[in-house]
Amino acid sequence: MTFMSPLLPLPLPLAPLAWLTGFRRVPDNSVVTVHRFGRFVRALGPGWRWTLPGLDHLGQPVCLIGHHLDIRDGDGPHAELYYQILDPAQAGEALDRVDALVTDQARDALATLPAANDDAPGLADSLKAELNRRLSRLGLRVIRCALHA
């Protein structure tokens, strides 16, 4: 029976060796940010990747698909958003705080929407279009948006 490391899919005796040589495994459908001396350097895609041992520090893995946010803005309508990360390299260091960034942009866009509640699907489509316009420069795309009273 071999024991597996929780960090790497290698037998336990080989896991420290991979760690010391700088090899890291990024899970499928995920991306990890690399920081060197506290500054963002690059984003690592899925698979086995090499980093500089001792210099490169990895952020938390961020899933590329399936992000869901429920954004409430006071007493007004709240939005339910689903978004995905299309280009991690374009998002850059924003990957470490991507949910907060999308939430802030959605709150700003909700504040600019007209207060008419009779055309909720039309408002949801305009909110989705506005968010996609704002987030496209970061490699993000809102794929579904719904407004609730």
C-alpha atoms as a PDB file:
ATOM      1  CA  MET A   1       0.000   0.000   0.000  1.00  0.00           C
ATOM      2  CA  THR A   2       1.430   3.400  -0.965  1.00  0.00           C
ATOM      3  CA  PHE A   3       0.449   6.612   0.734  1.00  0.00           C
ATOM      4  CA  MET A   4      -0.286   9.584  -1.476  1.00  0.00           C
ATOM      5  CA  SER A   5       0.613  13.171  -0.794  1.00  0.00           C
ATOM      6  CA  PRO A   6      -2.394  15.538  -0.632  1.00  0.00           C
ATOM      7  CA  LEU A   7      -0.474  18.068  -2.745  1.00  0.00           C
ATOM      8  CA  LEU A   8       0.838  15.889  -5.546  1.00  0.00           C
ATOM      9  CA  PRO A   9      -0.337  12.660  -7.130  1.00  0.00           C
ATOM     10  CA  LEU A  10       3.012  11.016  -6.357  1.00  0.00           C
ATOM     11  CA  PRO A  11       3.927   8.431  -3.739  1.00  0.00           C
ATOM     12  CA  LEU A  12       4.850  10.102  -0.468  1.00  0.00           C
ATOM     13  CA  PRO A  13       8.662   9.676  -0.772  1.00  0.00           C
ATOM     14  CA  LEU A  14       8.698  11.427  -4.180  1.00  0.00           C
ATOM     15  CA  ALA A  15       6.502  14.400  -3.214  1.00  0.00           C
ATOM     16  CA  PRO A  16       9.249  16.335  -1.338  1.00  0.00           C
ATOM     17  CA  LEU A  17      11.633  15.724  -4.235  1.00  0.00           C
ATOM     18  CA  ALA A  18       9.162  17.245  -6.698  1.00  0.00           C
ATOM     19  CA  TRP A  19       8.612  20.159  -4.302  1.00  0.00           C
ATOM     20  CA  LEU A  20      12.354  20.840  -3.937  1.00  0.00           C
ATOM     21  CA  THR A  21      12.964  20.715  -7.694  1.00  0.00           C
ATOM     22  CA  GLY A  22      10.199  23.237  -8.341  1.00  0.00           C
ATOM     23  CA  PHE A  23       7.671  21.006 -10.083  1.00  0.00           C
ATOM     24  CA  ARG A  24       4.072  21.840  -9.229  1.00  0.00           C
ATOM     25  CA  ARG A  25       0.839  20.319 -10.422  1.00  0.00           C
ATOM     26  CA  VAL A  26      -2.038  22.656 -11.262  1.00  0.00           C
ATOM     27  CA  PRO A  27      -5.440  20.893 -11.199  1.00  0.00           C
ATOM     28  CA  ASP A  28      -7.498  20.541 -14.384  1.00  0.00           C
ATOM     29  CA  ASN A  29      -9.794  23.485 -15.256  1.00  0.00           C
ATOM     30  CA  SER A  30      -7.814  25.677 -12.870  1.00  0.00           C
ATOM     31  CA  VAL A  31      -5.123  28.306 -12.966  1.00  0.00           C
ATOM     32  CA  VAL A  32      -2.652  29.418 -10.294  1.00  0.00           C
ATOM     33  CA  THR A  33      -0.912  32.778 -10.011  1.00  0.00           C
ATOM     34  CA  VAL A  34       2.845  32.922  -9.470  1.00  0.00           C
ATOM     35  CA  HIS A  35       4.333  35.698  -7.344  1.00  0.00           C
ATOM     36  CA  ARG A  36       8.030  36.458  -7.048  1.00  0.00           C
ATOM     37  CA  PHE A  37       9.171  38.900  -4.356  1.00  0.00           C
ATOM     38  CA  GLY A  38       5.517  39.796  -3.747  1.00  0.00           C
ATOM     39  CA  ARG A  39       4.807  40.768  -7.373  1.00  0.00           C
ATOM     40  CA  PHE A  40       2.701  38.943  -9.914  1.00  0.00           C
ATOM     41  CA  VAL A  41       4.840  37.163 -12.529  1.00  0.00           C
ATOM     42  CA  ARG A  42       2.520  34.872 -14.500  1.00  0.00           C
ATOM     43  CA  ALA A  43      -0.420  32.508 -14.407  1.00  0.00           C
ATOM     44  CA  LEU A  44       0.139  28.749 -14.599  1.00  0.00           C
ATOM     45  CA  GLY A  45      -2.349  26.638 -16.525  1.00  0.00           C
ATOM     46  CA  PRO A  46      -3.346  23.041 -15.765  1.00  0.00           C
ATOM     47  CA  GLY A  47      -0.754  20.271 -15.679  1.00  0.00           C
ATOM     48  CA  TRP A  48       2.771  19.884 -14.369  1.00  0.00           C
ATOM     49  CA  ARG A  49       4.640  23.196 -14.277  1.00  0.00           C
ATOM     50  CA  TRP A  50       8.120  24.197 -13.183  1.00  0.00           C
ATOM     51  CA  THR A  51       8.709  27.139 -10.844  1.00  0.00           C
ATOM     52  CA  LEU A  52      11.828  28.549  -9.247  1.00  0.00           C
ATOM     53  CA  PRO A  53      12.145  26.837  -5.866  1.00  0.00           C
ATOM     54  CA  GLY A  54      12.285  29.284  -2.985  1.00  0.00           C
ATOM     55  CA  LEU A  55      11.572  32.339  -5.159  1.00  0.00           C
ATOM     56  CA  ASP A  56       8.186  31.646  -6.719  1.00  0.00           C
ATOM     57  CA  HIS A  57       5.155  31.544  -4.444  1.00  0.00           C
ATOM     58  CA  LEU A  58       1.893  30.142  -5.754  1.00  0.00           C
ATOM     59  CA  GLY A  59      -1.543  31.591  -5.082  1.00  0.00           C
ATOM     60  CA  GLN A  60      -4.659  29.519  -4.540  1.00  0.00           C
ATOM     61  CA  PRO A  61      -6.007  27.570  -7.536  1.00  0.00           C
ATOM     62  CA  VAL A  62      -8.838  29.424  -9.287  1.00  0.00           C
ATOM     63  CA  CYS A  63     -11.381  27.474 -11.298  1.00  0.00           C
ATOM     64  CA  LEU A  64     -11.778  28.707 -14.879  1.00  0.00           C
ATOM     65  CA  ILE A  65     -15.476  27.869 -15.215  1.00  0.00           C
ATOM     66  CA  GLY A  66     -18.564  27.698 -13.034  1.00  0.00           C
ATOM     67  CA  HIS A  67     -18.315  30.905 -11.004  1.00  0.00           C
ATOM     68  CA  HIS A  68     -21.647  31.901  -9.442  1.00  0.00           C
ATOM     69  CA  LEU A  69     -22.294  35.173  -7.619  1.00  0.00           C
ATOM     70  CA  ASP A  70     -25.421  36.506  -5.937  1.00  0.00           C
ATOM     71  CA  ILE A  71     -25.055  40.291  -5.783  1.00  0.00           C
ATOM     72  CA  ARG A  72     -27.315  42.307  -3.521  1.00  0.00           C
ATOM     73  CA  ASP A  73     -27.301  46.072  -3.675  1.00  0.00           C
ATOM     74  CA  GLY A  74     -29.316  47.405  -0.749  1.00  0.00           C
ATOM     75  CA  ASP A  75     -33.104  47.467  -1.214  1.00  0.00           C
ATOM     76  CA  GLY A  76     -33.020  47.383  -5.010  1.00  0.00           C
ATOM     77  CA  PRO A  77     -32.918  44.345  -7.270  1.00  0.00           C
ATOM     78  CA  HIS A  78     -30.231  41.775  -6.833  1.00  0.00           C
ATOM     79  CA  ALA A  79     -28.418  40.008  -9.628  1.00  0.00           C
ATOM     80  CA  GLU A  80     -27.471  36.391 -10.010  1.00  0.00           C
ATOM     81  CA  LEU A  81     -24.407  35.995 -12.248  1.00  0.00           C
ATOM     82  CA  TYR A  82     -22.535  33.103 -13.760  1.00  0.00           C
ATOM     83  CA  TYR A  83     -19.181  33.872 -15.331  1.00  0.00           C
ATOM     84  CA  GLN A  84     -16.052  32.176 -16.567  1.00  0.00           C
ATOM     85  CA  ILE A  85     -12.415  33.052 -17.083  1.00  0.00           C
ATOM     86  CA  LEU A  86     -11.545  32.967 -20.791  1.00  0.00           C
ATOM     87  CA  ASP A  87      -7.955  34.229 -20.729  1.00  0.00           C
ATOM     88  CA  PRO A  88      -6.068  33.826 -17.428  1.00  0.00           C
ATOM     89  CA  ALA A  89      -2.988  35.599 -18.772  1.00  0.00           C
ATOM     90  CA  GLN A  90      -5.063  38.671 -19.596  1.00  0.00           C
ATOM     91  CA  ALA A  91      -6.641  38.648 -16.125  1.00  0.00           C
ATOM     92  CA  GLY A  92      -3.192  38.549 -14.544  1.00  0.00           C
ATOM     93  CA  GLU A  93      -2.962  39.311 -10.848  1.00  0.00           C
ATOM     94  CA  ALA A  94      -6.714  40.014 -10.713  1.00  0.00           C
ATOM     95  CA  LEU A  95      -7.165  36.227 -10.557  1.00  0.00           C
ATOM     96  CA  ASP A  96      -6.380  36.268  -6.849  1.00  0.00           C
ATOM     97  CA  ARG A  97      -9.466  38.431  -6.192  1.00  0.00           C
ATOM     98  CA  VAL A  98     -11.616  37.725  -9.240  1.00  0.00           C
ATOM     99  CA  ASP A  99     -14.922  37.243  -7.363  1.00  0.00           C
ATOM    100  CA  ALA A 100     -14.539  40.557  -5.536  1.00  0.00           C
ATOM    101  CA  LEU A 101     -13.658  42.310  -8.799  1.00  0.00           C
ATOM    102  CA  VAL A 102     -16.745  40.970 -10.607  1.00  0.00           C
ATOM    103  CA  THR A 103     -18.933  41.805  -7.598  1.00  0.00           C
ATOM    104  CA  ASP A 104     -17.695  45.415  -7.557  1.00  0.00           C
ATOM    105  CA  GLN A 105     -18.253  45.809 -11.298  1.00  0.00           C
ATOM    106  CA  ALA A 106     -21.749  44.304 -11.026  1.00  0.00           C
ATOM    107  CA  ARG A 107     -22.697  46.642  -8.150  1.00  0.00           C
ATOM    108  CA  ASP A 108     -21.544  49.627 -10.183  1.00  0.00           C
ATOM    109  CA  ALA A 109     -23.484  48.429 -13.224  1.00  0.00           C
ATOM    110  CA  LEU A 110     -26.610  47.738 -11.105  1.00  0.00           C
ATOM    111  CA  ALA A 111     -26.491  51.298  -9.790  1.00  0.00           C
ATOM    112  CA  THR A 112     -26.595  52.660 -13.337  1.00  0.00           C
ATOM    113  CA  LEU A 113     -29.610  50.548 -14.408  1.00  0.00           C
ATOM    114  CA  PRO A 114     -32.985  52.290 -14.694  1.00  0.00           C
ATOM    115  CA  ALA A 115     -35.438  51.539 -11.888  1.00  0.00           C
ATOM    116  CA  ALA A 116     -38.138  50.053 -14.179  1.00  0.00           C
ATOM    117  CA  ASN A 117     -39.107  46.572 -12.989  1.00  0.00           C
ATOM    118  CA  ASP A 118     -41.596  45.798 -15.765  1.00  0.00           C
ATOM    119  CA  ASP A 119     -38.910  44.603 -18.211  1.00  0.00           C
ATOM    120  CA  ALA A 120     -36.723  42.340 -16.033  1.00  0.00           C
ATOM    121  CA  PRO A 121     -35.413  40.150 -18.922  1.00  0.00           C
ATOM    122  CA  GLY A 122     -34.448  43.248 -20.906  1.00  0.00           C
ATOM    123  CA  LEU A 123     -32.693  44.743 -17.879  1.00  0.00           C
ATOM    124  CA  ALA A 124     -30.865  41.458 -17.267  1.00  0.00           C
ATOM    125  CA  ASP A 125     -29.670  41.429 -20.868  1.00  0.00           C
ATOM    126  CA  SER A 126     -28.480  45.033 -20.641  1.00  0.00           C
ATOM    127  CA  LEU A 127     -26.700  44.271 -17.346  1.00  0.00           C
ATOM    128  CA  LYS A 128     -25.017  41.248 -18.928  1.00  0.00           C
ATOM    129  CA  ALA A 129     -23.915  43.327 -21.935  1.00  0.00           C
ATOM    130  CA  GLU A 130     -22.563  46.103 -19.708  1.00  0.00           C
ATOM    131  CA  LEU A 131     -20.655  43.639 -17.518  1.00  0.00           C
ATOM    132  CA  ASN A 132     -19.188  41.876 -20.543  1.00  0.00           C
ATOM    133  CA  ARG A 133     -18.067  45.257 -21.879  1.00  0.00           C
ATOM    134  CA  ARG A 134     -16.368  46.080 -18.560  1.00  0.00           C
ATOM    135  CA  LEU A 135     -14.845  42.644 -17.942  1.00  0.00           C
ATOM    136  CA  SER A 136     -13.731  41.732 -21.459  1.00  0.00           C
ATOM    137  CA  ARG A 137     -10.434  43.592 -20.985  1.00  0.00           C
ATOM    138  CA  LEU A 138      -9.666  41.144 -18.134  1.00  0.00           C
ATOM    139  CA  GLY A 139     -10.438  38.004 -20.098  1.00  0.00           C
ATOM    140  CA  LEU A 140     -13.719  37.361 -18.229  1.00  0.00           C
ATOM    141  CA  ARG A 141     -17.189  36.710 -19.653  1.00  0.00           C
ATOM    142  CA  VAL A 142     -20.590  36.701 -17.986  1.00  0.00           C
ATOM    143  CA  ILE A 143     -22.518  33.773 -19.424  1.00  0.00           C
ATOM    144  CA  ARG A 144     -25.811  34.122 -17.562  1.00  0.00           C
ATOM    145  CA  CYS A 145     -27.454  36.947 -15.683  1.00  0.00           C
ATOM    146  CA  ALA A 146     -30.797  37.157 -13.899  1.00  0.00           C
ATOM    147  CA  LEU A 147     -32.369  40.005 -11.918  1.00  0.00           C
ATOM    148  CA  HIS A 148     -34.638  39.408  -8.944  1.00  0.00           C
ATOM    149  CA  ALA A 149     -36.753  41.975  -7.144  1.00  0.00           C
END
